Amino acid sequence: MDTISLHYFKELTKDMNVTKCAKRLHLSQQTLSNHIARLEKWCGATLFYRKPRLSLTSTGRHMLQYADRWLLEEQKLKDTVSDISAEQRGVIRFGASYARYVTLLPEILPLFSNQYPNVSIDIVDNNAVQLITQMLSGDLDIILSPRKDILPTLDSTLLMSTTVYLCVADRLLKKYYGTEAETLKEKSLSGADLADFSKLPFYLINPPNSLGSRIAACFEEAGFIPRTYMRVETLRMSAIIASTGLAATFNTTVPLDTALKTMSSDVNIFPLKSHGKLVHHNVYLIHYKNRYMPQYLRCFRNLIIDFYGRMTTTNLARIIKC
């Protein structure tokens, strides 16, 4: 069997569209079709229904299961040979949200690349649901996720339990609450109840982003529908919007600690409270439980664990004194 054709077959099952898949793989449509035809000739059966749209036949579904196992074993063999040959060449397919890897990678990459200069890193920026899905399909080696999915093939390590903060510029608070703003700030310093901030416009993060889902639950518990200033997929602009005084935003410990260097000095930072308790957002390191892990991937994993072990959990709450 031609393993290249098997690889292209699996890639086509992701798109179920020859034109789209060929473009993504930088192939001509004819070349991709030839690989599929070669594989169908080898197994003596049709792998795809062509009409009304591309879909797998029963044989195609069995072939996909075989392809997953074959390509996984092929990668394990490559990793083992790489270690044995001591060339330490390879690729780490790493998944995380921008807010996590933008703080992590500048700290660990110099150390990692000094030890493994021939290893490249493919970064996938996605939400927790998509990262887990890509992990299970074999497209990622290691991810950072707020979700601890209890799955027999994956190993999850809690790296950090971070506080969720509500960030509100003083000028925004005074605009909507006037003389009541000072009392509200003092009350919220130890934990902000969203019900007390119902007049404000908010920068909201859409589910299925896990933080967005957690915050949506807090609004539901507070008993009101928030006034939306902006809806986004990630908290990437949270510190910037808070600094403009246009809306209240949310953030978590690690990205907020970094953002404080450039955030406006008049932004109040309150730990978020729900059901009478502070709201936390966990970060897990997830990789395959029983898959062979080459030395360079073990090194990358350990550097991540060391980084989070050094991270402070200091309370970042503050209020602006008039």
Protein backbone atom coordinates (compact mmCIF):
# COMPACT_ATOMS: atom_id res chain seq x y z
CA MET A 1 0.00 0.00 0.00
CA ASP A 2 1.17 3.53 -0.81
CA THR A 3 1.27 5.31 2.57
CA ILE A 4 1.25 8.71 0.83
CA SER A 5 -2.09 7.85 -0.76
CA LEU A 6 -3.33 6.73 2.66
CA HIS A 7 -2.31 10.09 4.11
CA TYR A 8 -4.11 12.01 1.35
CA PHE A 9 -7.19 9.81 1.83
CA LYS A 10 -7.35 10.77 5.50
CA GLU A 11 -6.89 14.46 4.66
CA LEU A 12 -9.75 14.31 2.15
CA THR A 13 -12.07 12.86 4.82
CA LYS A 14 -11.57 16.07 6.82
CA ASP A 15 -12.85 18.35 4.05
CA MET A 16 -15.03 15.98 2.03
CA ASN A 17 -14.31 18.29 -0.89
CA VAL A 18 -11.61 17.56 -3.47
CA THR A 19 -11.14 21.18 -4.51
CA LYS A 20 -10.83 22.47 -0.94
CA CYS A 21 -8.55 19.62 0.18
CA ALA A 22 -6.25 19.88 -2.84
CA LYS A 23 -5.86 23.62 -2.28
CA ARG A 24 -5.06 23.10 1.42
CA LEU A 25 -2.45 20.44 0.59
CA HIS A 26 -1.01 22.48 -2.31
CA LEU A 27 -1.82 19.70 -4.80
CA SER A 28 -3.65 19.70 -8.08
CA GLN A 29 -7.13 18.19 -7.96
CA GLN A 30 -6.01 15.57 -10.47
CA THR A 31 -3.08 14.49 -8.29
CA LEU A 32 -5.34 14.11 -5.25
CA SER A 33 -7.92 12.18 -7.29
CA ASN A 34 -5.17 9.89 -8.63
CA HIS A 35 -4.09 9.01 -5.09
CA ILE A 36 -7.66 8.13 -4.12
CA ALA A 37 -8.09 6.05 -7.29
CA ARG A 38 -4.83 4.22 -6.54
CA LEU A 39 -6.05 3.39 -3.04
CA GLU A 40 -9.44 2.22 -4.34
CA LYS A 41 -7.69 -0.01 -6.89
CA TRP A 42 -5.51 -1.50 -4.14
CA CYS A 43 -8.46 -2.41 -1.90
CA GLY A 44 -10.76 -3.31 -4.82
CA ALA A 45 -13.66 -1.21 -3.60
CA THR A 46 -15.04 2.33 -3.76
CA LEU A 47 -14.10 4.48 -0.77
CA PHE A 48 -16.34 7.48 -1.47
CA TYR A 49 -19.82 8.09 -2.74
CA ARG A 50 -19.45 10.95 -5.26
CA LYS A 51 -23.10 12.11 -5.35
CA PRO A 52 -25.04 14.05 -4.16
CA ARG A 53 -21.90 15.08 -2.26
CA LEU A 54 -18.71 13.33 -1.19
CA SER A 55 -19.25 10.84 1.65
CA LEU A 56 -17.60 7.64 2.86
CA THR A 57 -18.81 4.22 1.83
CA SER A 58 -18.81 1.38 4.36
CA THR A 59 -15.39 0.35 2.99
CA GLY A 60 -14.24 3.96 3.29
CA ARG A 61 -15.18 4.09 6.97
CA HIS A 62 -13.18 0.92 7.65
CA MET A 63 -10.27 2.31 5.64
CA LEU A 64 -10.32 5.51 7.72
CA GLN A 65 -10.05 3.50 10.94
CA TYR A 66 -7.14 1.60 9.43
CA ALA A 67 -5.51 4.84 8.24
CA ASP A 68 -5.70 6.34 11.74
CA ARG A 69 -3.94 3.30 13.23
CA TRP A 70 -1.39 3.04 10.44
CA LEU A 71 -0.40 6.71 10.46
CA LEU A 72 -0.18 6.74 14.25
CA GLU A 73 2.17 3.75 14.20
CA GLU A 74 4.18 5.39 11.42
CA GLN A 75 4.63 8.53 13.54
CA LYS A 76 5.65 6.46 16.56
CA LEU A 77 8.24 4.68 14.43
CA LYS A 78 9.63 7.99 13.14
CA ASP A 79 9.87 9.35 16.70
CA THR A 80 11.63 6.21 17.93
CA VAL A 81 14.10 6.21 15.04
CA SER A 82 14.76 9.91 15.61
CA ASP A 83 15.69 9.24 19.23
CA ILE A 84 17.81 6.22 18.36
CA SER A 85 19.70 8.05 15.65
CA ALA A 86 20.26 10.96 18.07
CA GLU A 87 19.51 13.43 15.29
CA GLN A 88 16.60 14.79 17.34
CA ARG A 89 14.71 16.01 14.32
CA GLY A 90 10.97 16.28 14.41
CA VAL A 91 7.85 18.42 14.68
CA ILE A 92 5.80 19.27 17.75
CA ARG A 93 2.16 19.93 16.96
CA PHE A 94 1.11 22.20 19.83
CA GLY A 95 -2.41 23.53 20.42
CA ALA A 96 -3.44 26.40 22.69
CA SER A 97 -5.35 29.67 22.68
CA TYR A 98 -3.43 32.82 21.82
CA ALA A 99 -3.82 34.17 25.37
CA ARG A 100 -1.95 31.13 26.70
CA TYR A 101 0.83 30.59 24.19
CA VAL A 102 1.71 34.29 23.78
CA THR A 103 2.85 34.34 27.42
CA LEU A 104 4.28 30.83 27.57
CA LEU A 105 6.32 30.44 24.38
CA PRO A 106 8.64 33.48 24.67
CA GLU A 107 9.74 32.08 28.04
CA ILE A 108 10.38 28.45 27.09
CA LEU A 109 11.39 28.56 23.41
CA PRO A 110 14.95 29.86 23.92
CA LEU A 111 15.65 27.00 26.33
CA PHE A 112 13.98 24.42 24.12
CA SER A 113 15.57 25.52 20.83
CA ASN A 114 19.01 25.66 22.41
CA GLN A 115 18.67 21.96 23.23
CA TYR A 116 16.72 20.88 20.13
CA PRO A 117 17.59 23.25 17.27
CA ASN A 118 16.34 20.80 14.62
CA VAL A 119 12.82 20.46 16.03
CA SER A 120 10.13 22.72 14.58
CA ILE A 121 6.84 23.66 16.26
CA ASP A 122 3.46 23.86 14.53
CA ILE A 123 1.06 26.03 16.56
CA VAL A 124 -2.71 25.61 16.34
CA ASP A 125 -4.73 28.47 17.86
CA ASN A 126 -8.22 27.23 18.66
CA ASN A 127 -10.89 26.89 21.36
CA ALA A 128 -10.98 24.03 23.85
CA VAL A 129 -13.62 21.99 22.02
CA GLN A 130 -11.76 22.11 18.71
CA LEU A 131 -8.38 21.39 20.32
CA ILE A 132 -9.71 18.23 22.00
CA THR A 133 -11.32 17.15 18.72
CA GLN A 134 -8.05 17.69 16.82
CA MET A 135 -6.15 15.87 19.55
CA LEU A 136 -8.42 12.83 19.29
CA SER A 137 -8.11 12.79 15.50
CA GLY A 138 -4.31 12.57 15.85
CA ASP A 139 -3.58 16.05 14.49
CA LEU A 140 -1.98 17.41 17.70
CA ASP A 141 0.65 16.05 20.09
CA ILE A 142 0.11 18.23 23.13
CA ILE A 143 -2.35 20.98 24.09
CA LEU A 144 -3.21 23.49 26.80
CA SER A 145 -6.90 23.40 27.63
CA PRO A 146 -9.28 24.65 30.34
CA ARG A 147 -11.19 21.40 29.95
CA LYS A 148 -10.20 18.14 31.61
CA ASP A 149 -11.88 15.60 29.36
CA ILE A 150 -11.96 12.21 31.06
CA LEU A 151 -10.91 10.08 28.09
CA PRO A 152 -8.98 6.80 28.33
CA THR A 153 -6.48 7.77 25.61
CA LEU A 154 -5.52 11.16 27.08
CA ASP A 155 -3.52 12.20 30.13
CA SER A 156 -4.48 15.51 31.81
CA THR A 157 -2.28 17.43 34.28
CA LEU A 158 -3.63 20.45 36.15
CA LEU A 159 -1.12 23.26 35.66
CA MET A 160 -2.88 26.17 37.32
CA SER A 161 -6.22 27.31 38.70
CA THR A 162 -6.51 30.96 37.69
CA THR A 163 -8.82 33.67 38.99
CA VAL A 164 -11.30 35.31 36.61
CA TYR A 165 -11.30 39.11 36.88
CA LEU A 166 -13.72 41.87 35.90
CA CYS A 167 -11.84 44.91 34.56
CA VAL A 168 -13.60 48.29 34.58
CA ALA A 169 -12.08 51.71 33.91
CA ASP A 170 -12.81 54.26 36.62
CA ARG A 171 -14.24 56.72 34.10
CA LEU A 172 -16.69 54.07 32.81
CA LEU A 173 -17.81 53.23 36.33
CA LYS A 174 -18.40 56.89 37.22
CA LYS A 175 -20.24 57.50 33.95
CA TYR A 176 -22.88 54.90 34.81
CA TYR A 177 -22.86 54.94 38.63
CA GLY A 178 -21.81 58.47 39.54
CA THR A 179 -21.29 58.96 43.27
CA GLU A 180 -22.22 55.31 43.91
CA ALA A 181 -19.05 54.18 42.12
CA GLU A 182 -16.77 54.49 45.15
CA THR A 183 -19.03 52.36 47.34
CA LEU A 184 -19.33 49.77 44.56
CA LYS A 185 -15.55 49.59 44.17
CA GLU A 186 -14.95 48.98 47.88
CA LYS A 187 -17.66 46.33 47.97
CA SER A 188 -16.28 44.51 44.89
CA LEU A 189 -12.58 44.48 45.83
CA SER A 190 -12.96 41.09 47.52
CA GLY A 191 -15.35 39.74 44.87
CA ALA A 192 -17.55 41.36 42.22
CA ASP A 193 -21.16 40.26 41.79
CA LEU A 194 -22.20 40.94 38.17
CA ALA A 195 -25.67 41.96 39.36
CA ASP A 196 -24.05 45.11 40.79
CA PHE A 197 -22.67 46.06 37.35
CA SER A 198 -25.81 45.53 35.25
CA LYS A 199 -25.79 49.09 33.85
CA LEU A 200 -22.42 48.69 32.12
CA PRO A 201 -21.70 47.68 28.52
CA PHE A 202 -19.60 44.51 28.29
CA TYR A 203 -16.94 43.01 26.05
CA LEU A 204 -18.23 39.42 25.80
CA ILE A 205 -16.54 36.22 24.71
CA ASN A 206 -18.74 33.84 22.74
CA PRO A 207 -19.19 30.20 23.71
CA PRO A 208 -17.91 27.56 22.94
CA ASN A 209 -14.88 29.42 24.28
CA SER A 210 -14.74 27.90 27.78
CA LEU A 211 -14.18 31.25 29.51
CA GLY A 212 -17.07 32.71 27.52
CA SER A 213 -19.29 29.83 28.65
CA ARG A 214 -18.23 30.33 32.27
CA ILE A 215 -18.98 34.05 32.15
CA ALA A 216 -22.35 33.44 30.45
CA ALA A 217 -23.26 31.20 33.39
CA CYS A 218 -22.29 34.01 35.79
CA PHE A 219 -24.62 36.44 33.98
CA GLU A 220 -27.42 33.88 34.16
CA GLU A 221 -26.83 33.46 37.88
CA ALA A 222 -26.83 37.27 38.27
CA GLY A 223 -30.28 37.35 36.65
CA PHE A 224 -29.85 39.77 33.76
CA ILE A 225 -28.93 39.89 30.08
CA PRO A 226 -25.78 41.98 29.68
CA ARG A 227 -25.66 45.02 27.45
CA THR A 228 -23.22 44.06 24.69
CA TYR A 229 -20.57 46.48 23.49
CA MET A 230 -18.61 43.88 21.52
CA ARG A 231 -18.76 40.11 20.98
CA VAL A 232 -15.58 38.19 20.12
CA GLU A 233 -14.23 34.65 19.99
CA THR A 234 -11.30 35.18 22.40
CA LEU A 235 -10.22 37.53 25.20
CA ARG A 236 -7.31 38.77 23.06
CA MET A 237 -8.45 42.43 23.11
CA SER A 238 -9.72 42.41 26.68
CA ALA A 239 -7.00 44.61 28.20
CA ILE A 240 -7.14 47.06 25.29
CA ILE A 241 -10.91 47.53 25.50
CA ALA A 242 -10.76 47.90 29.29
CA SER A 243 -8.13 50.63 28.89
CA THR A 244 -10.31 52.60 26.46
CA GLY A 245 -13.08 52.88 29.03
CA LEU A 246 -15.63 51.77 26.42
CA ALA A 247 -16.72 48.55 28.12
CA ALA A 248 -16.14 46.26 31.07
CA THR A 249 -14.09 43.21 30.18
CA PHE A 250 -12.96 39.90 31.67
CA ASN A 251 -9.52 38.36 32.01
CA THR A 252 -7.63 35.63 33.85
CA THR A 253 -4.50 35.66 36.00
CA VAL A 254 -1.71 34.85 33.53
CA PRO A 255 -2.67 37.09 30.55
CA LEU A 256 -3.81 39.85 32.92
CA ASP A 257 -0.48 39.82 34.78
CA THR A 258 1.24 40.42 31.44
CA ALA A 259 -1.30 43.03 30.30
CA LEU A 260 -0.86 45.14 33.45
CA LYS A 261 2.37 46.54 31.98
CA THR A 262 0.44 48.37 29.27
CA MET A 263 -3.07 48.64 30.74
CA SER A 264 -4.41 52.08 31.62
CA SER A 265 -3.69 53.04 35.23
CA ASP A 266 -7.36 53.89 35.91
CA VAL A 267 -8.68 50.35 35.36
CA ASN A 268 -10.20 48.73 38.44
CA ILE A 269 -9.66 44.98 38.68
CA PHE A 270 -12.16 42.94 40.65
CA PRO A 271 -12.07 39.16 41.19
CA LEU A 272 -15.34 37.78 39.80
CA LYS A 273 -17.75 36.12 42.19
CA SER A 274 -20.65 33.77 41.48
CA HIS A 275 -22.84 31.83 43.92
CA GLY A 276 -20.91 33.55 46.70
CA LYS A 277 -17.54 32.12 45.61
CA LEU A 278 -14.69 33.43 43.47
CA VAL A 279 -14.74 32.17 39.88
CA HIS A 280 -11.72 30.16 38.72
CA HIS A 281 -10.55 28.99 35.30
CA ASN A 282 -8.27 25.94 35.14
CA VAL A 283 -5.44 25.23 32.72
CA TYR A 284 -4.60 21.59 31.89
CA LEU A 285 -1.73 20.08 29.93
CA ILE A 286 -3.06 17.23 27.79
CA HIS A 287 -1.19 14.64 25.75
CA TYR A 288 -1.62 11.00 24.74
CA LYS A 289 -1.38 8.51 27.58
CA ASN A 290 0.09 5.48 25.81
CA ARG A 291 1.75 7.01 22.75
CA TYR A 292 5.53 6.96 22.51
CA MET A 293 6.85 10.39 23.48
CA PRO A 294 10.23 11.33 21.93
CA GLN A 295 12.82 13.09 24.06
CA TYR A 296 12.19 16.49 22.50
CA LEU A 297 8.45 16.30 23.24
CA ARG A 298 9.15 15.26 26.84
CA CYS A 299 11.47 18.25 27.15
CA PHE A 300 8.79 20.60 25.73
CA ARG A 301 6.19 19.18 28.14
CA ASN A 302 8.49 19.57 31.15
CA LEU A 303 9.32 23.18 30.23
CA ILE A 304 5.60 23.98 30.16
CA ILE A 305 5.11 22.36 33.58
CA ASP A 306 8.09 24.29 35.00
CA PHE A 307 6.78 27.57 33.56
CA TYR A 308 3.37 27.21 35.21
CA GLY A 309 5.04 26.07 38.41
CA ARG A 310 6.79 29.44 38.55
CA MET A 311 3.67 31.46 37.79
CA THR A 312 2.32 33.51 40.63
CA THR A 313 -1.23 33.18 41.90
CA THR A 314 -1.01 36.57 43.62
CA ASN A 315 -4.30 38.43 43.83
CA LEU A 316 -4.25 41.07 41.08
CA ALA A 317 -7.32 42.92 42.38
CA ARG A 318 -7.05 46.69 42.69
CA ILE A 319 -9.26 49.75 42.92
CA ILE A 320 -8.39 53.26 41.82
CA LYS A 321 -8.35 55.74 44.68
CA CYS A 322 -9.70 59.19 43.88
